[in-house]
Amino acid sequence: MYGRVEKVFAFLDGLISASPVPPSHRELLRVHMGSGQEEAKAYSELPAVQLPLLVHAAITGDERPALPVAGACTLLYLGADLFDNLIDDELPPSWQARDPAEASLAATTLLAALPQLALARLREQGTPSARLWELSHLFAETLLTMSAGEHEDVRFTDRDDVGVKTCRNMVERKSGSEFGLFARAGALLATEDPAIVEKYTAFGLCLGTARQICTDVWDIWEGENSPDLQNGKRTLPIVHALNTLHGESRQRLQDLLKAVREGAECHDEVRKILLAAGSVHYTDLIVGIYRIRARDYLAAASPQEPAGQALRSLLRGAALLGVDGEE
């Protein structure tokens, strides 16, 4: 899978080199591009790269025409990731010595301008104007959905009245829609069959939602301290516990969540309460539901091999490992 990563980032390097911006701005864009490439080296299954290429290959047997689409998806992913880091005050080391305004400018450029330039490269392949417009509209519409999900995520901070269904809907909008875009973009370029496009879109949405829920659990359990707890995030395990516990148990969790925000070292106590409330087990069940849905949508699309096997491999990676180390 790393071969695809190299091709996509080489494409993006050429796109940035040709961009009509001053050299200083070009280098600013390459700061986060370098971070993204390092992430992809460690995790070559990066869905922004893999999904559009694999979906196109699953439909047509050839992934090569989807390279500009994969480039556009990767740019959107990098921009959204940088904005999320800005909101959570979790900028990576490559940005620590820079003004946050520069990171904001880079995120805006990666999200709004460069994906459209990447899609424009499809003209060289003879892609019809109507299809280019459809792809461009897809990116704009998905950004609106992702922004709505991000706004809900921010609005839910430190709140104890968020419902479980509301939280799941937020995750679908913020993260599921992004993965839905990755899959849908590859499918739109490959086929005019709306039923096939919708199956791959649904596969991507379910995959992305499952992965985000897994990430939210891992954030709480991996490492000594949890950035999400420190930032007051109301991720699904926290929301489930707040909706399940009552009386003194619920008040204890609320007090601990407030203490973590104020710098107290009580992450282990929060973890113990989440386990006792059955919140990890519940979250695992929800991940399983999304994985089953994704599997069924993919099977219904009848993907060509070996792309189908690679897509199933991505789905296997969206499994939640419990705190006892068992899947």
Protein backbone atom coordinates (compact mmCIF):
# COMPACT_ATOMS: atom_id res chain seq x y z
CA MET A 1 0.00 0.00 0.00
CA TYR A 2 2.94 2.34 0.51
CA GLY A 3 3.45 2.53 -3.25
CA ARG A 4 0.14 4.41 -3.49
CA VAL A 5 1.25 6.78 -0.74
CA GLU A 6 4.44 7.64 -2.62
CA LYS A 7 2.55 8.29 -5.86
CA VAL A 8 -0.04 10.53 -4.20
CA PHE A 9 2.50 12.63 -2.30
CA ALA A 10 4.66 12.97 -5.41
CA PHE A 11 1.55 14.24 -7.21
CA LEU A 12 0.88 16.71 -4.39
CA ASP A 13 4.46 17.96 -4.39
CA GLY A 14 4.15 18.72 -8.09
CA LEU A 15 0.80 20.43 -7.53
CA ILE A 16 2.22 22.69 -4.83
CA SER A 17 5.32 23.46 -6.92
CA ALA A 18 3.04 24.66 -9.73
CA SER A 19 0.70 26.63 -7.46
CA PRO A 20 0.57 30.39 -8.17
CA VAL A 21 1.70 31.48 -4.69
CA PRO A 22 4.92 33.06 -3.35
CA PRO A 23 7.73 30.67 -2.34
CA SER A 24 7.20 31.43 1.37
CA HIS A 25 3.57 30.32 1.15
CA ARG A 26 4.58 27.25 -0.83
CA GLU A 27 7.02 26.25 1.92
CA LEU A 28 4.31 26.84 4.53
CA LEU A 29 2.10 24.31 2.76
CA ARG A 30 4.95 21.83 2.69
CA VAL A 31 5.29 21.99 6.48
CA HIS A 32 2.06 20.09 7.00
CA MET A 33 2.56 18.06 3.84
CA GLY A 34 5.73 16.73 5.46
CA SER A 35 3.81 15.83 8.63
CA GLY A 36 1.23 14.02 6.53
CA GLN A 37 3.87 12.08 4.68
CA GLU A 38 5.51 11.02 7.94
CA GLU A 39 2.11 9.82 9.17
CA ALA A 40 1.62 7.88 5.94
CA LYS A 41 5.03 6.22 6.33
CA ALA A 42 4.00 4.96 9.75
CA TYR A 43 0.49 4.13 8.62
CA SER A 44 0.42 3.36 4.91
CA GLU A 45 -3.29 2.45 5.03
CA LEU A 46 -4.13 6.17 5.23
CA PRO A 47 -7.75 6.13 3.94
CA ALA A 48 -7.54 9.49 2.16
CA VAL A 49 -4.95 7.90 -0.12
CA GLN A 50 -6.20 4.35 -0.29
CA LEU A 51 -10.01 4.61 -0.49
CA PRO A 52 -10.43 6.62 -3.73
CA LEU A 53 -7.78 4.56 -5.54
CA LEU A 54 -9.06 1.20 -4.30
CA VAL A 55 -12.71 2.00 -4.97
CA HIS A 56 -11.89 3.07 -8.52
CA ALA A 57 -9.91 -0.15 -9.01
CA ALA A 58 -12.70 -2.21 -7.44
CA ILE A 59 -15.08 -0.90 -10.12
CA THR A 60 -12.84 -0.63 -13.20
CA GLY A 61 -9.82 -2.80 -12.41
CA ASP A 62 -7.49 0.22 -12.73
CA GLU A 63 -6.62 2.71 -9.99
CA ARG A 64 -4.36 5.00 -12.03
CA PRO A 65 -7.02 7.43 -13.36
CA ALA A 66 -8.04 8.23 -9.78
CA LEU A 67 -4.66 9.70 -8.77
CA PRO A 68 -5.87 13.36 -8.92
CA VAL A 69 -8.94 12.40 -6.88
CA ALA A 70 -6.77 10.71 -4.26
CA GLY A 71 -4.64 13.84 -4.21
CA ALA A 72 -7.70 16.03 -3.62
CA CYS A 73 -8.93 13.72 -0.85
CA THR A 74 -5.52 13.74 0.85
CA LEU A 75 -5.39 17.54 0.75
CA LEU A 76 -8.83 17.77 2.34
CA TYR A 77 -7.78 15.27 5.01
CA LEU A 78 -4.58 17.18 5.80
CA GLY A 79 -6.42 20.50 5.99
CA ALA A 80 -9.17 19.11 8.23
CA ASP A 81 -6.58 17.44 10.46
CA LEU A 82 -4.66 20.70 10.86
CA PHE A 83 -7.83 22.66 11.67
CA ASP A 84 -8.80 20.03 14.24
CA ASN A 85 -5.36 20.36 15.85
CA LEU A 86 -5.80 24.13 15.98
CA ILE A 87 -9.20 23.86 17.64
CA ASP A 88 -7.93 21.35 20.22
CA ASP A 89 -4.64 23.23 20.79
CA GLU A 90 -2.72 20.11 19.74
CA LEU A 91 -0.50 21.37 16.92
CA PRO A 92 2.26 18.90 15.96
CA PRO A 93 5.93 19.74 16.65
CA SER A 94 6.47 21.05 13.11
CA TRP A 95 4.13 23.98 13.93
CA GLN A 96 5.20 24.69 17.51
CA ALA A 97 7.69 27.43 16.60
CA ARG A 98 5.29 29.13 14.17
CA ASP A 99 2.48 31.61 14.58
CA PRO A 100 -0.89 29.78 14.83
CA ALA A 101 -2.14 32.19 12.17
CA GLU A 102 0.22 30.51 9.71
CA ALA A 103 -1.23 27.11 10.57
CA SER A 104 -4.73 28.51 10.05
CA LEU A 105 -3.73 29.89 6.65
CA ALA A 106 -2.19 26.57 5.62
CA ALA A 107 -5.29 24.65 6.74
CA THR A 108 -7.57 26.95 4.75
CA THR A 109 -5.46 26.57 1.62
CA LEU A 110 -5.29 22.79 1.98
CA LEU A 111 -9.04 22.53 2.49
CA ALA A 112 -10.46 25.08 0.10
CA ALA A 113 -8.11 25.82 -2.80
CA LEU A 114 -5.74 22.96 -3.48
CA PRO A 115 -8.32 20.14 -3.73
CA GLN A 116 -10.01 22.01 -6.58
CA LEU A 117 -6.67 22.39 -8.38
CA ALA A 118 -6.07 18.66 -7.95
CA LEU A 119 -9.48 17.82 -9.42
CA ALA A 120 -8.79 20.16 -12.35
CA ARG A 121 -5.97 17.82 -13.38
CA LEU A 122 -8.68 15.35 -14.42
CA ARG A 123 -9.27 17.49 -17.52
CA GLU A 124 -5.98 16.20 -18.88
CA GLN A 125 -7.49 12.70 -18.76
CA GLY A 126 -10.54 13.78 -20.71
CA THR A 127 -12.95 13.71 -17.76
CA PRO A 128 -16.24 15.34 -18.88
CA SER A 129 -17.06 18.77 -17.47
CA ALA A 130 -20.27 17.47 -15.91
CA ARG A 131 -18.32 14.89 -13.92
CA LEU A 132 -15.79 17.52 -12.80
CA TRP A 133 -18.63 19.71 -11.58
CA GLU A 134 -20.16 16.78 -9.70
CA LEU A 135 -16.87 16.08 -7.94
CA SER A 136 -16.32 19.74 -7.12
CA HIS A 137 -19.83 20.00 -5.68
CA LEU A 138 -19.22 16.83 -3.66
CA PHE A 139 -16.16 18.34 -1.97
CA ALA A 140 -18.01 21.58 -1.12
CA GLU A 141 -21.08 19.77 0.21
CA THR A 142 -19.01 17.36 2.31
CA LEU A 143 -17.00 20.21 3.80
CA LEU A 144 -20.27 21.76 4.98
CA THR A 145 -21.29 18.47 6.60
CA MET A 146 -17.89 18.04 8.24
CA SER A 147 -17.98 21.62 9.49
CA ALA A 148 -21.40 21.04 11.04
CA GLY A 149 -20.05 17.95 12.81
CA GLU A 150 -16.97 19.84 14.01
CA HIS A 151 -19.19 22.64 15.32
CA GLU A 152 -21.26 20.13 17.28
CA ASP A 153 -18.08 18.57 18.68
CA VAL A 154 -16.94 21.99 19.92
CA ARG A 155 -20.42 22.86 21.23
CA PHE A 156 -20.62 19.62 23.24
CA THR A 157 -17.41 20.39 25.16
CA ASP A 158 -17.90 20.05 28.96
CA ARG A 159 -21.63 19.37 28.53
CA ASP A 160 -23.21 16.51 30.46
CA ASP A 161 -26.57 16.48 28.67
CA VAL A 162 -25.49 15.12 25.26
CA GLY A 163 -27.46 12.05 24.18
CA VAL A 164 -25.86 8.89 22.83
CA LYS A 165 -27.72 9.13 19.51
CA THR A 166 -26.79 12.80 19.18
CA CYS A 167 -23.14 11.91 19.75
CA ARG A 168 -23.23 9.17 17.12
CA ASN A 169 -24.83 11.53 14.61
CA MET A 170 -22.06 14.04 15.30
CA VAL A 171 -19.38 11.42 14.60
CA GLU A 172 -21.10 10.46 11.33
CA ARG A 173 -21.12 14.08 10.20
CA LYS A 174 -17.61 14.96 11.34
CA SER A 175 -15.73 11.80 10.34
CA GLY A 176 -18.09 9.42 8.57
CA SER A 177 -18.91 11.94 5.85
CA GLU A 178 -15.20 12.49 5.19
CA PHE A 179 -14.60 8.80 4.52
CA GLY A 180 -17.82 8.71 2.53
CA LEU A 181 -16.31 11.40 0.33
CA PHE A 182 -13.10 9.42 -0.16
CA ALA A 183 -15.05 6.40 -1.40
CA ARG A 184 -17.68 8.33 -3.34
CA ALA A 185 -15.10 10.39 -5.25
CA GLY A 186 -13.40 7.24 -6.51
CA ALA A 187 -16.74 5.71 -7.46
CA LEU A 188 -18.03 8.82 -9.26
CA LEU A 189 -14.97 8.86 -11.47
CA ALA A 190 -15.33 5.16 -12.21
CA THR A 191 -19.02 4.65 -12.97
CA GLU A 192 -22.30 6.33 -13.87
CA ASP A 193 -24.29 3.68 -11.98
CA PRO A 194 -25.83 5.57 -9.00
CA ALA A 195 -26.55 2.34 -7.10
CA ILE A 196 -22.86 1.37 -7.10
CA VAL A 197 -21.83 4.89 -6.11
CA GLU A 198 -24.23 4.85 -3.16
CA LYS A 199 -23.01 1.45 -1.93
CA TYR A 200 -19.40 2.59 -1.85
CA THR A 201 -20.39 5.90 -0.23
CA ALA A 202 -22.24 4.05 2.53
CA PHE A 203 -19.25 1.72 2.96
CA GLY A 204 -16.96 4.73 3.44
CA LEU A 205 -19.31 6.46 5.89
CA CYS A 206 -19.61 3.36 8.08
CA LEU A 207 -15.86 2.71 7.93
CA GLY A 208 -15.05 6.31 8.89
CA THR A 209 -17.53 6.36 11.76
CA ALA A 210 -16.20 3.08 13.16
CA ARG A 211 -12.61 4.31 12.91
CA GLN A 212 -13.38 7.59 14.69
CA ILE A 213 -15.15 5.85 17.56
CA CYS A 214 -12.15 3.52 17.91
CA THR A 215 -9.81 6.52 17.92
CA ASP A 216 -11.88 8.17 20.67
CA VAL A 217 -11.50 5.10 22.89
CA TRP A 218 -7.79 4.76 22.14
CA ASP A 219 -7.30 8.42 23.06
CA ILE A 220 -8.59 7.69 26.55
CA TRP A 221 -6.60 4.49 27.05
CA GLU A 222 -3.34 5.01 25.18
CA GLY A 223 -0.63 6.84 27.07
CA GLU A 224 -0.62 8.25 30.56
CA ASN A 225 -2.91 11.19 29.85
CA SER A 226 -5.78 11.65 27.40
CA PRO A 227 -5.86 14.84 25.29
CA ASP A 228 -9.63 14.40 24.79
CA LEU A 229 -10.24 14.28 28.53
CA GLN A 230 -8.01 17.30 29.06
CA ASN A 231 -9.95 19.20 26.38
CA GLY A 232 -13.35 18.30 27.81
CA LYS A 233 -14.38 16.29 24.75
CA ARG A 234 -17.66 14.40 24.97
CA THR A 235 -16.76 11.32 22.95
CA LEU A 236 -19.04 8.28 22.83
CA PRO A 237 -17.65 6.37 25.86
CA ILE A 238 -17.96 9.49 28.04
CA VAL A 239 -21.45 10.28 26.75
CA HIS A 240 -22.61 6.70 27.34
CA ALA A 241 -21.34 6.72 30.92
CA LEU A 242 -22.98 10.07 31.67
CA ASN A 243 -26.28 8.70 30.33
CA THR A 244 -25.96 5.36 32.16
CA LEU A 245 -24.74 6.32 35.62
CA HIS A 246 -26.96 7.90 38.26
CA GLY A 247 -26.63 9.48 41.66
CA GLU A 248 -23.23 9.46 43.33
CA SER A 249 -21.56 7.48 40.53
CA ARG A 250 -22.56 10.04 37.91
CA GLN A 251 -21.56 12.93 40.16
CA ARG A 252 -18.18 11.30 40.76
CA LEU A 253 -17.57 11.04 37.01
CA GLN A 254 -18.61 14.67 36.50
CA ASP A 255 -16.22 15.78 39.25
CA LEU A 256 -13.36 13.78 37.75
CA LEU A 257 -13.98 15.17 34.25
CA LYS A 258 -13.83 18.68 35.68
CA ALA A 259 -10.68 17.87 37.63
CA VAL A 260 -8.93 16.54 34.51
CA ARG A 261 -9.71 19.83 32.77
CA GLU A 262 -8.02 21.67 35.64
CA GLY A 263 -4.86 19.57 35.35
CA ALA A 264 -5.48 16.87 37.93
CA GLU A 265 -3.89 13.46 37.33
CA CYS A 266 -7.04 11.35 37.57
CA HIS A 267 -7.21 9.71 34.13
CA ASP A 268 -7.03 6.20 35.57
CA GLU A 269 -10.03 6.87 37.80
CA VAL A 270 -12.05 7.99 34.77
CA ARG A 271 -11.04 4.81 32.93
CA LYS A 272 -12.17 2.63 35.84
CA ILE A 273 -15.57 4.33 35.91
CA LEU A 274 -16.01 3.89 32.17
CA LEU A 275 -15.26 0.18 32.51
CA ALA A 276 -17.64 -0.21 35.42
CA ALA A 277 -20.40 1.61 33.53
CA GLY A 278 -20.08 -0.79 30.59
CA SER A 279 -19.19 2.12 28.31
CA VAL A 280 -16.25 0.36 26.65
CA HIS A 281 -18.37 -2.71 25.97
CA TYR A 282 -21.15 -0.53 24.57
CA THR A 283 -18.72 1.36 22.35
CA ASP A 284 -17.30 -1.92 21.07
CA LEU A 285 -20.82 -3.06 20.13
CA ILE A 286 -21.47 0.17 18.22
CA VAL A 287 -18.18 -0.19 16.34
CA GLY A 288 -19.23 -3.73 15.47
CA ILE A 289 -22.56 -2.50 14.06
CA TYR A 290 -20.84 -0.01 11.77
CA ARG A 291 -18.32 -2.64 10.66
CA ILE A 292 -21.08 -5.10 9.77
CA ARG A 293 -22.90 -2.43 7.79
CA ALA A 294 -19.69 -1.50 5.97
CA ARG A 295 -18.99 -5.16 5.18
CA ASP A 296 -22.50 -5.65 3.78
CA TYR A 297 -22.37 -2.51 1.63
CA LEU A 298 -19.01 -3.57 0.22
CA ALA A 299 -20.25 -7.10 -0.54
CA ALA A 300 -23.32 -5.66 -2.29
CA ALA A 301 -21.03 -3.58 -4.54
CA SER A 302 -19.27 -6.77 -5.77
CA PRO A 303 -15.75 -5.27 -5.92
CA GLN A 304 -13.16 -6.62 -8.34
CA GLU A 305 -10.07 -8.24 -6.85
CA PRO A 306 -7.47 -7.58 -5.55
CA ALA A 307 -8.97 -4.18 -4.70
CA GLY A 308 -11.84 -5.82 -2.83
CA GLN A 309 -9.43 -7.65 -0.54
CA ALA A 310 -7.55 -4.42 0.16
CA LEU A 311 -10.81 -2.66 1.07
CA ARG A 312 -11.73 -5.50 3.42
CA SER A 313 -8.28 -5.10 4.99
CA LEU A 314 -9.02 -1.43 5.70
CA LEU A 315 -12.23 -2.50 7.40
CA ARG A 316 -10.40 -5.03 9.57
CA GLY A 317 -8.21 -2.19 10.80
CA ALA A 318 -11.28 -0.42 12.20
CA ALA A 319 -11.66 -2.88 15.08
CA LEU A 320 -11.67 -1.80 18.68
CA LEU A 321 -9.09 -3.45 20.93
CA GLY A 322 -10.36 -3.62 24.47
CA VAL A 323 -8.33 -2.56 27.47
CA ASP A 324 -7.54 -6.22 28.08
CA GLY A 325 -5.86 -6.41 24.65
CA GLU A 326 -8.50 -8.63 23.06
CA GLU A 327 -10.61 -7.72 20.04
